[in-house]
Amino acid sequence: MSINAFVDNGFSPGREFCVKFLSSPEFNAKTLQTLVSSGKSKKKEEIATLIADALEKKKLTPEQVLLA
Protein backbone atom coordinates (compact mmCIF):
# COMPACT_ATOMS: atom_id res chain seq x y z
CA MET A 1 0.00 0.00 0.00
CA SER A 2 1.29 3.44 -0.90
CA ILE A 3 1.54 6.18 1.70
CA ASN A 4 0.25 8.60 -0.94
CA ALA A 5 -3.25 7.07 -0.83
CA PHE A 6 -4.91 10.48 -0.40
CA VAL A 7 -2.98 12.37 -3.06
CA ASP A 8 -5.33 14.19 -5.42
CA ASN A 9 -3.56 15.72 -8.38
CA GLY A 10 -6.59 17.90 -9.10
CA PHE A 11 -5.64 20.42 -6.41
CA SER A 12 -2.42 22.20 -5.61
CA PRO A 13 -0.57 20.56 -2.73
CA GLY A 14 -0.71 22.18 0.68
CA ARG A 15 -3.43 24.45 1.98
CA GLU A 16 -5.82 24.25 -0.99
CA PHE A 17 -5.76 20.45 -0.97
CA CYS A 18 -6.19 20.39 2.82
CA VAL A 19 -9.32 22.56 2.72
CA LYS A 20 -10.85 20.60 -0.19
CA PHE A 21 -10.02 17.26 1.45
CA LEU A 22 -11.54 18.27 4.80
CA SER A 23 -14.60 19.63 2.96
CA SER A 24 -15.12 16.29 1.20
CA PRO A 25 -17.65 13.64 2.29
CA GLU A 26 -14.78 11.80 4.03
CA PHE A 27 -15.26 14.16 6.99
CA ASN A 28 -18.55 15.33 8.45
CA ALA A 29 -19.07 18.79 9.94
CA LYS A 30 -19.70 17.44 13.43
CA THR A 31 -16.32 15.67 13.47
CA LEU A 32 -14.53 18.75 12.14
CA GLN A 33 -16.20 20.93 14.79
CA THR A 34 -14.50 18.88 17.51
CA LEU A 35 -11.10 20.02 16.21
CA VAL A 36 -11.60 23.78 16.50
CA SER A 37 -13.30 25.66 19.31
CA SER A 38 -14.78 28.39 17.10
CA GLY A 39 -16.35 25.99 14.58
CA LYS A 40 -19.74 25.46 16.21
CA SER A 41 -21.84 27.79 14.05
CA LYS A 42 -19.78 27.75 10.86
CA LYS A 43 -20.28 25.94 7.56
CA LYS A 44 -18.17 22.89 6.79
CA GLU A 45 -15.81 24.69 4.38
CA GLU A 46 -15.26 27.48 6.93
CA ILE A 47 -14.38 24.89 9.56
CA ALA A 48 -12.01 23.21 7.10
CA THR A 49 -10.29 26.57 6.59
CA LEU A 50 -9.92 27.04 10.35
CA ILE A 51 -8.38 23.58 10.61
CA ALA A 52 -5.98 24.34 7.75
CA ASP A 53 -4.95 27.51 9.63
CA ALA A 54 -4.40 25.53 12.82
CA LEU A 55 -2.30 22.97 10.94
CA GLU A 56 -0.15 25.71 9.41
CA LYS A 57 0.36 27.30 12.83
CA LYS A 58 1.10 23.87 14.33
CA LYS A 59 -1.81 24.16 16.78
CA LEU A 60 -3.09 20.86 15.36
CA THR A 61 -1.13 17.91 14.01
CA PRO A 62 -2.12 15.85 10.97
CA GLU A 63 -2.48 12.87 13.31
CA GLN A 64 -5.09 14.71 15.40
CA VAL A 65 -7.12 15.45 12.27
CA LEU A 66 -6.97 11.93 10.89
CA LEU A 67 -7.83 10.38 14.26
CA ALA A 68 -10.84 12.67 14.84
PDB file of N, CA and C in Angstrom:
ATOM      1  N   MET A   1       0.840  -1.177   0.000  1.00  0.00           N
ATOM      2  CA  MET A   1       0.000   0.000   0.000  1.00  0.00           C
ATOM      3  C   MET A   1       0.884   1.239   0.000  1.00  0.00           C
ATOM      4  N   SER A   2       0.526   2.195  -0.785  1.00  0.00           N
ATOM      5  CA  SER A   2       1.288   3.436  -0.900  1.00  0.00           C
ATOM      6  C   SER A   2       0.867   4.432   0.168  1.00  0.00           C
ATOM      7  N   ILE A   3       1.833   5.148   0.709  1.00  0.00           N
ATOM      8  CA  ILE A   3       1.541   6.183   1.705  1.00  0.00           C
ATOM      9  C   ILE A   3       0.841   7.384   1.068  1.00  0.00           C
ATOM     10  N   ASN A   4       0.876   7.483  -0.232  1.00  0.00           N
ATOM     11  CA  ASN A   4       0.247   8.597  -0.944  1.00  0.00           C
ATOM     12  C   ASN A   4      -1.194   8.277  -1.334  1.00  0.00           C
ATOM     13  N   ALA A   5      -1.883   7.507  -0.508  1.00  0.00           N
ATOM     14  CA  ALA A   5      -3.246   7.075  -0.825  1.00  0.00           C
ATOM     15  C   ALA A   5      -4.214   8.241  -1.003  1.00  0.00           C
ATOM     16  N   PHE A   6      -3.977   9.358  -0.329  1.00  0.00           N
ATOM     17  CA  PHE A   6      -4.908  10.483  -0.398  1.00  0.00           C
ATOM     18  C   PHE A   6      -4.439  11.596  -1.320  1.00  0.00           C
ATOM     19  N   VAL A   7      -3.461  11.345  -2.138  1.00  0.00           N
ATOM     20  CA  VAL A   7      -2.976  12.369  -3.060  1.00  0.00           C
ATOM     21  C   VAL A   7      -4.020  12.583  -4.147  1.00  0.00           C
ATOM     22  N   ASP A   8      -4.381  13.832  -4.367  1.00  0.00           N
ATOM     23  CA  ASP A   8      -5.328  14.193  -5.417  1.00  0.00           C
ATOM     24  C   ASP A   8      -4.639  15.222  -6.299  1.00  0.00           C
ATOM     25  N   ASN A   9      -4.286  14.826  -7.482  1.00  0.00           N
ATOM     26  CA  ASN A   9      -3.562  15.718  -8.376  1.00  0.00           C
ATOM     27  C   ASN A   9      -4.429  16.820  -8.965  1.00  0.00           C
ATOM     28  N   GLY A  10      -5.709  16.859  -8.610  1.00  0.00           N
ATOM     29  CA  GLY A  10      -6.593  17.904  -9.103  1.00  0.00           C
ATOM     30  C   GLY A  10      -6.448  19.231  -8.360  1.00  0.00           C
ATOM     31  N   PHE A  11      -5.822  19.214  -7.215  1.00  0.00           N
ATOM     32  CA  PHE A  11      -5.642  20.425  -6.412  1.00  0.00           C
ATOM     33  C   PHE A  11      -4.165  20.637  -6.138  1.00  0.00           C
ATOM     34  N   SER A  12      -3.796  21.888  -5.969  1.00  0.00           N
ATOM     35  CA  SER A  12      -2.420  22.198  -5.606  1.00  0.00           C
ATOM     36  C   SER A  12      -2.126  21.585  -4.240  1.00  0.00           C
ATOM     37  N   PRO A  13      -0.908  21.121  -4.036  1.00  0.00           N
ATOM     38  CA  PRO A  13      -0.573  20.558  -2.727  1.00  0.00           C
ATOM     39  C   PRO A  13      -0.587  21.642  -1.651  1.00  0.00           C
ATOM     40  N   GLY A  14      -0.744  21.228  -0.428  1.00  0.00           N
ATOM     41  CA  GLY A  14      -0.714  22.178   0.683  1.00  0.00           C
ATOM     42  C   GLY A  14      -2.091  22.612   1.115  1.00  0.00           C
ATOM     43  N   ARG A  15      -2.219  23.881   1.394  1.00  0.00           N
ATOM     44  CA  ARG A  15      -3.434  24.446   1.985  1.00  0.00           C
ATOM     45  C   ARG A  15      -4.691  24.183   1.152  1.00  0.00           C
ATOM     46  N   GLU A  16      -4.626  24.437  -0.143  1.00  0.00           N
ATOM     47  CA  GLU A  16      -5.817  24.248  -0.994  1.00  0.00           C
ATOM     48  C   GLU A  16      -6.309  22.806  -0.930  1.00  0.00           C
ATOM     49  N   PHE A  17      -5.375  21.863  -1.049  1.00  0.00           N
ATOM     50  CA  PHE A  17      -5.756  20.454  -0.965  1.00  0.00           C
ATOM     51  C   PHE A  17      -6.345  20.135   0.408  1.00  0.00           C
ATOM     52  N   CYS A  18      -5.731  20.649   1.456  1.00  0.00           N
ATOM     53  CA  CYS A  18      -6.193  20.388   2.821  1.00  0.00           C
ATOM     54  C   CYS A  18      -7.645  20.829   2.993  1.00  0.00           C
ATOM     55  N   VAL A  19      -7.958  22.040   2.579  1.00  0.00           N
ATOM     56  CA  VAL A  19      -9.321  22.562   2.723  1.00  0.00           C
ATOM     57  C   VAL A  19     -10.303  21.720   1.899  1.00  0.00           C
ATOM     58  N   LYS A  20      -9.951  21.400   0.667  1.00  0.00           N
ATOM     59  CA  LYS A  20     -10.846  20.596  -0.186  1.00  0.00           C
ATOM     60  C   LYS A  20     -11.027  19.190   0.376  1.00  0.00           C
ATOM     61  N   PHE A  21      -9.954  18.606   0.884  1.00  0.00           N
ATOM     62  CA  PHE A  21     -10.017  17.258   1.447  1.00  0.00           C
ATOM     63  C   PHE A  21     -10.910  17.251   2.691  1.00  0.00           C
ATOM     64  N   LEU A  22     -10.726  18.208   3.584  1.00  0.00           N
ATOM     65  CA  LEU A  22     -11.537  18.270   4.795  1.00  0.00           C
ATOM     66  C   LEU A  22     -12.984  18.621   4.484  1.00  0.00           C
ATOM     67  N   SER A  23     -13.244  19.277   3.371  1.00  0.00           N
ATOM     68  CA  SER A  23     -14.604  19.627   2.965  1.00  0.00           C
ATOM     69  C   SER A  23     -15.305  18.479   2.248  1.00  0.00           C
ATOM     70  N   SER A  24     -14.565  17.429   1.943  1.00  0.00           N
ATOM     71  CA  SER A  24     -15.117  16.292   1.201  1.00  0.00           C
ATOM     72  C   SER A  24     -16.022  15.442   2.102  1.00  0.00           C
ATOM     73  N   PRO A  25     -16.771  14.521   1.507  1.00  0.00           N
ATOM     74  CA  PRO A  25     -17.649  13.638   2.293  1.00  0.00           C
ATOM     75  C   PRO A  25     -16.883  12.706   3.249  1.00  0.00           C
ATOM     76  N   GLU A  26     -15.571  12.634   3.123  1.00  0.00           N
ATOM     77  CA  GLU A  26     -14.776  11.795   4.031  1.00  0.00           C
ATOM     78  C   GLU A  26     -14.865  12.283   5.473  1.00  0.00           C
ATOM     79  N   PHE A  27     -15.152  13.560   5.658  1.00  0.00           N
ATOM     80  CA  PHE A  27     -15.261  14.162   6.988  1.00  0.00           C
ATOM     81  C   PHE A  27     -16.632  14.806   7.116  1.00  0.00           C
ATOM     82  N   ASN A  28     -17.280  14.633   8.258  1.00  0.00           N
ATOM     83  CA  ASN A  28     -18.552  15.334   8.446  1.00  0.00           C
ATOM     84  C   ASN A  28     -18.319  16.570   9.320  1.00  0.00           C
ATOM     85  N   ALA A  29     -19.226  17.508   9.242  1.00  0.00           N
ATOM     86  CA  ALA A  29     -19.067  18.791   9.938  1.00  0.00           C
ATOM     87  C   ALA A  29     -18.962  18.603  11.447  1.00  0.00           C
ATOM     88  N   LYS A  30     -19.724  17.675  11.990  1.00  0.00           N
ATOM     89  CA  LYS A  30     -19.702  17.441  13.435  1.00  0.00           C
ATOM     90  C   LYS A  30     -18.308  16.999  13.900  1.00  0.00           C
ATOM     91  N   THR A  31     -17.676  16.127  13.135  1.00  0.00           N
ATOM     92  CA  THR A  31     -16.324  15.673  13.465  1.00  0.00           C
ATOM     93  C   THR A  31     -15.339  16.832  13.378  1.00  0.00           C
ATOM     94  N   LEU A  32     -15.447  17.623  12.315  1.00  0.00           N
ATOM     95  CA  LEU A  32     -14.534  18.752  12.138  1.00  0.00           C
ATOM     96  C   LEU A  32     -14.705  19.778  13.258  1.00  0.00           C
ATOM     97  N   GLN A  33     -15.937  19.964  13.721  1.00  0.00           N
ATOM     98  CA  GLN A  33     -16.199  20.929  14.790  1.00  0.00           C
ATOM     99  C   GLN A  33     -15.462  20.574  16.074  1.00  0.00           C
ATOM    100  N   THR A  34     -15.201  19.295  16.292  1.00  0.00           N
ATOM    101  CA  THR A  34     -14.496  18.884  17.511  1.00  0.00           C
ATOM    102  C   THR A  34     -13.033  19.312  17.501  1.00  0.00           C
ATOM    103  N   LEU A  35     -12.514  19.667  16.334  1.00  0.00           N
ATOM    104  CA  LEU A  35     -11.102  20.015  16.206  1.00  0.00           C
ATOM    105  C   LEU A  35     -10.803  21.493  16.438  1.00  0.00           C
ATOM    106  N   VAL A  36     -11.809  22.343  16.295  1.00  0.00           N
ATOM    107  CA  VAL A  36     -11.601  23.781  16.495  1.00  0.00           C
ATOM    108  C   VAL A  36     -12.706  24.333  17.390  1.00  0.00           C
ATOM    109  N   SER A  37     -12.324  25.153  18.340  1.00  0.00           N
ATOM    110  CA  SER A  37     -13.299  25.664  19.312  1.00  0.00           C
ATOM    111  C   SER A  37     -14.284  26.655  18.707  1.00  0.00           C
ATOM    112  N   SER A  38     -13.891  27.368  17.680  1.00  0.00           N
ATOM    113  CA  SER A  38     -14.779  28.385  17.102  1.00  0.00           C
ATOM    114  C   SER A  38     -15.564  27.859  15.900  1.00  0.00           C
ATOM    115  N   GLY A  39     -15.687  26.552  15.749  1.00  0.00           N
ATOM    116  CA  GLY A  39     -16.348  25.987  14.583  1.00  0.00           C
ATOM    117  C   GLY A  39     -17.804  25.636  14.754  1.00  0.00           C
ATOM    118  N   LYS A  40     -18.382  25.908  15.908  1.00  0.00           N
ATOM    119  CA  LYS A  40     -19.745  25.457  16.205  1.00  0.00           C
ATOM    120  C   LYS A  40     -20.811  25.981  15.251  1.00  0.00           C
ATOM    121  N   SER A  41     -20.770  27.226  14.871  1.00  0.00           N
ATOM    122  CA  SER A  41     -21.842  27.789  14.049  1.00  0.00           C
ATOM    123  C   SER A  41     -21.394  28.078  12.615  1.00  0.00           C
ATOM    124  N   LYS A  42     -20.311  27.477  12.197  1.00  0.00           N
ATOM    125  CA  LYS A  42     -19.777  27.748  10.861  1.00  0.00           C
ATOM    126  C   LYS A  42     -20.116  26.624   9.891  1.00  0.00           C
ATOM    127  N   LYS A  43     -20.070  26.940   8.606  1.00  0.00           N
ATOM    128  CA  LYS A  43     -20.276  25.943   7.563  1.00  0.00           C
ATOM    129  C   LYS A  43     -19.049  25.046   7.468  1.00  0.00           C
ATOM    130  N   LYS A  44     -19.231  23.895   6.868  1.00  0.00           N
ATOM    131  CA  LYS A  44     -18.170  22.891   6.791  1.00  0.00           C
ATOM    132  C   LYS A  44     -16.892  23.436   6.146  1.00  0.00           C
ATOM    133  N   GLU A  45     -17.015  24.165   5.048  1.00  0.00           N
ATOM    134  CA  GLU A  45     -15.810  24.687   4.383  1.00  0.00           C
ATOM    135  C   GLU A  45     -15.105  25.731   5.255  1.00  0.00           C
ATOM    136  N   GLU A  46     -15.868  26.506   6.010  1.00  0.00           N
ATOM    137  CA  GLU A  46     -15.259  27.482   6.926  1.00  0.00           C
ATOM    138  C   GLU A  46     -14.497  26.767   8.041  1.00  0.00           C
ATOM    139  N   ILE A  47     -15.062  25.678   8.534  1.00  0.00           N
ATOM    140  CA  ILE A  47     -14.383  24.890   9.564  1.00  0.00           C
ATOM    141  C   ILE A  47     -13.109  24.276   8.989  1.00  0.00           C
ATOM    142  N   ALA A  48     -13.190  23.776   7.758  1.00  0.00           N
ATOM    143  CA  ALA A  48     -12.011  23.208   7.100  1.00  0.00           C
ATOM    144  C   ALA A  48     -10.901  24.250   6.973  1.00  0.00           C
ATOM    145  N   THR A  49     -11.273  25.487   6.683  1.00  0.00           N
ATOM    146  CA  THR A  49     -10.290  26.572   6.587  1.00  0.00           C
ATOM    147  C   THR A  49      -9.653  26.848   7.943  1.00  0.00           C
ATOM    148  N   LEU A  50     -10.462  26.841   8.999  1.00  0.00           N
ATOM    149  CA  LEU A  50      -9.924  27.040  10.353  1.00  0.00           C
ATOM    150  C   LEU A  50      -8.939  25.921  10.713  1.00  0.00           C
ATOM    151  N   ILE A  51      -9.268  24.712  10.330  1.00  0.00           N
ATOM    152  CA  ILE A  51      -8.378  23.580  10.608  1.00  0.00           C
ATOM    153  C   ILE A  51      -7.085  23.714   9.821  1.00  0.00           C
ATOM    154  N   ALA A  52      -7.190  24.126   8.558  1.00  0.00           N
ATOM    155  CA  ALA A  52      -5.980  24.338   7.746  1.00  0.00           C
ATOM    156  C   ALA A  52      -5.095  25.402   8.393  1.00  0.00           C
ATOM    157  N   ASP A  53      -5.712  26.471   8.912  1.00  0.00           N
ATOM    158  CA  ASP A  53      -4.955  27.515   9.626  1.00  0.00           C
ATOM    159  C   ASP A  53      -4.247  26.922  10.842  1.00  0.00           C
ATOM    160  N   ALA A  54      -4.976  26.134  11.616  1.00  0.00           N
ATOM    161  CA  ALA A  54      -4.401  25.532  12.823  1.00  0.00           C
ATOM    162  C   ALA A  54      -3.259  24.580  12.475  1.00  0.00           C
ATOM    163  N   LEU A  55      -3.385  23.860  11.378  1.00  0.00           N
ATOM    164  CA  LEU A  55      -2.303  22.969  10.942  1.00  0.00           C
ATOM    165  C   LEU A  55      -1.063  23.773  10.549  1.00  0.00           C
ATOM    166  N   GLU A  56      -1.277  24.866   9.816  1.00  0.00           N
ATOM    167  CA  GLU A  56      -0.146  25.706   9.408  1.00  0.00           C
ATOM    168  C   GLU A  56       0.563  26.318  10.608  1.00  0.00           C
ATOM    169  N   LYS A  57      -0.205  26.673  11.630  1.00  0.00           N
ATOM    170  CA  LYS A  57       0.362  27.299  12.825  1.00  0.00           C
ATOM    171  C   LYS A  57       0.829  26.265  13.847  1.00  0.00           C
ATOM    172  N   LYS A  58       0.699  24.989  13.482  1.00  0.00           N
ATOM    173  CA  LYS A  58       1.099  23.866  14.329  1.00  0.00           C
ATOM    174  C   LYS A  58       0.321  23.796  15.642  1.00  0.00           C
ATOM    175  N   LYS A  59      -0.925  24.299  15.624  1.00  0.00           N
ATOM    176  CA  LYS A  59      -1.810  24.164  16.775  1.00  0.00           C
ATOM    177  C   LYS A  59      -2.524  22.823  16.740  1.00  0.00           C
ATOM    178  N   LEU A  60      -2.554  22.209  15.566  1.00  0.00           N
ATOM    179  CA  LEU A  60      -3.086  20.858  15.359  1.00  0.00           C
ATOM    180  C   LEU A  60      -2.041  20.076  14.581  1.00  0.00           C
ATOM    181  N   THR A  61      -2.021  18.772  14.798  1.00  0.00           N
ATOM    182  CA  THR A  61      -1.132  17.912  14.014  1.00  0.00           C
ATOM    183  C   THR A  61      -1.980  17.135  13.005  1.00  0.00           C
ATOM    184  N   PRO A  62      -1.374  16.683  11.926  1.00  0.00           N
ATOM    185  CA  PRO A  62      -2.119  15.854  10.969  1.00  0.00           C
ATOM    186  C   PRO A  62      -2.709  14.606  11.640  1.00  0.00           C
ATOM    187  N   GLU A  63      -2.001  14.058  12.602  1.00  0.00           N
ATOM    188  CA  GLU A  63      -2.485  12.874  13.311  1.00  0.00           C
ATOM    189  C   GLU A  63      -3.788  13.162  14.055  1.00  0.00           C
ATOM    190  N   GLN A  64      -3.864  14.337  14.690  1.00  0.00           N
ATOM    191  CA  GLN A  64      -5.090  14.714  15.396  1.00  0.00           C
ATOM    192  C   GLN A  64      -6.274  14.793  14.442  1.00  0.00           C
ATOM    193  N   VAL A  65      -6.033  15.311  13.259  1.00  0.00           N
ATOM    194  CA  VAL A  65      -7.115  15.446  12.275  1.00  0.00           C
ATOM    195  C   VAL A  65      -7.558  14.077  11.776  1.00  0.00           C
ATOM    196  N   LEU A  66      -6.618  13.234  11.443  1.00  0.00           N
ATOM    197  CA  LEU A  66      -6.971  11.927  10.895  1.00  0.00           C
ATOM    198  C   LEU A  66      -7.564  10.993  11.941  1.00  0.00           C
ATOM    199  N   LEU A  67      -7.271  11.220  13.204  1.00  0.00           N
ATOM    200  CA  LEU A  67      -7.834  10.380  14.259  1.00  0.00           C
ATOM    201  C   LEU A  67      -9.170  10.892  14.795  1.00  0.00           C
ATOM    202  N   ALA A  68      -9.584  12.066  14.340  1.00  0.00           N
ATOM    203  CA  ALA A  68     -10.841  12.667  14.839  1.00  0.00           C
ATOM    204  C   ALA A  68     -12.050  11.846  14.422  1.00  0.00           C
TER     205      ALA A  68
END
